[in-house]
Amino acid sequence: MGTPEIWWKSSYSGPGDGDSCVEIALRPARVAIRDSKVPDGDTLSFPDSTFAAFVAGLKQGTAGA
């Protein structure tokens, strides 16, 4: 999978934490995720619906439960 052009860091990545987070990029029907410390490294890719369910679980405190 090629590297998407636009990557976003979490809005919670403030000073001091800005290099220790994950970044996401939107692709057709998928969300790509990478480690911000290794931008040229490997990425993970998930279907939109799977990523949306994961984020919803985080917001509800049930992700991984």
Protein backbone atom coordinates (compact mmCIF):
# COMPACT_ATOMS: atom_id res chain seq x y z
CA MET A 1 0.00 0.00 0.00
CA GLY A 2 1.47 3.36 -0.97
CA THR A 3 1.75 6.20 1.48
CA PRO A 4 -1.25 8.56 1.38
CA GLU A 5 -0.42 12.22 0.94
CA ILE A 6 -2.23 13.60 4.01
CA TRP A 7 -1.66 12.24 7.51
CA TRP A 8 -3.38 13.59 10.66
CA LYS A 9 -2.14 13.38 14.22
CA SER A 10 -4.47 13.21 17.19
CA SER A 11 -5.64 16.55 18.54
CA TYR A 12 -4.39 15.26 21.90
CA SER A 13 -0.80 15.24 20.61
CA GLY A 14 0.46 18.39 22.22
CA PRO A 15 3.96 19.66 22.93
CA GLY A 16 6.14 16.86 24.23
CA ASP A 17 3.73 14.20 22.98
CA GLY A 18 3.70 15.22 19.32
CA ASP A 19 6.25 12.62 18.31
CA SER A 20 4.70 9.77 20.30
CA CYS A 21 1.37 9.12 18.70
CA VAL A 22 -0.28 7.47 15.77
CA GLU A 23 -1.33 9.22 12.60
CA ILE A 24 -4.22 8.35 10.30
CA ALA A 25 -4.85 8.89 6.62
CA LEU A 26 -8.08 8.37 4.73
CA ARG A 27 -8.03 6.14 1.68
CA PRO A 28 -10.92 4.94 -0.46
CA ALA A 29 -13.06 2.78 1.89
CA ARG A 30 -10.14 2.35 4.35
CA VAL A 31 -8.25 4.12 7.12
CA ALA A 32 -4.45 3.82 7.24
CA ILE A 33 -2.58 4.10 10.56
CA ARG A 34 1.14 4.60 11.19
CA ASP A 35 3.51 5.38 14.05
CA SER A 36 4.44 9.06 13.95
CA LYS A 37 7.99 8.23 15.09
CA VAL A 38 8.52 6.04 12.01
CA PRO A 39 6.63 7.75 9.15
CA ASP A 40 8.42 5.72 6.50
CA GLY A 41 7.69 2.45 8.30
CA ASP A 42 4.85 0.02 7.86
CA THR A 43 1.21 1.03 8.09
CA LEU A 44 -1.93 -0.77 9.17
CA SER A 45 -5.10 -0.44 7.12
CA PHE A 46 -8.67 -1.13 8.21
CA PRO A 47 -12.05 -0.92 6.49
CA ASP A 48 -13.88 2.33 7.32
CA SER A 49 -16.61 0.51 9.24
CA THR A 50 -14.11 -1.38 11.42
CA PHE A 51 -12.20 1.77 12.29
CA ALA A 52 -15.45 3.65 13.03
CA ALA A 53 -16.57 0.87 15.40
CA PHE A 54 -13.17 0.97 17.14
CA VAL A 55 -13.35 4.76 17.65
CA ALA A 56 -16.96 4.48 18.90
CA GLY A 57 -15.79 1.85 21.39
CA LEU A 58 -13.01 4.16 22.60
CA LYS A 59 -15.51 6.96 23.15
CA GLN A 60 -17.80 4.64 25.10
CA GLY A 61 -14.95 3.01 27.01
CA THR A 62 -15.67 -0.42 25.55
CA ALA A 63 -12.91 -0.82 22.94
CA GLY A 64 -11.16 -4.13 23.38
CA ALA A 65 -13.74 -5.38 25.88
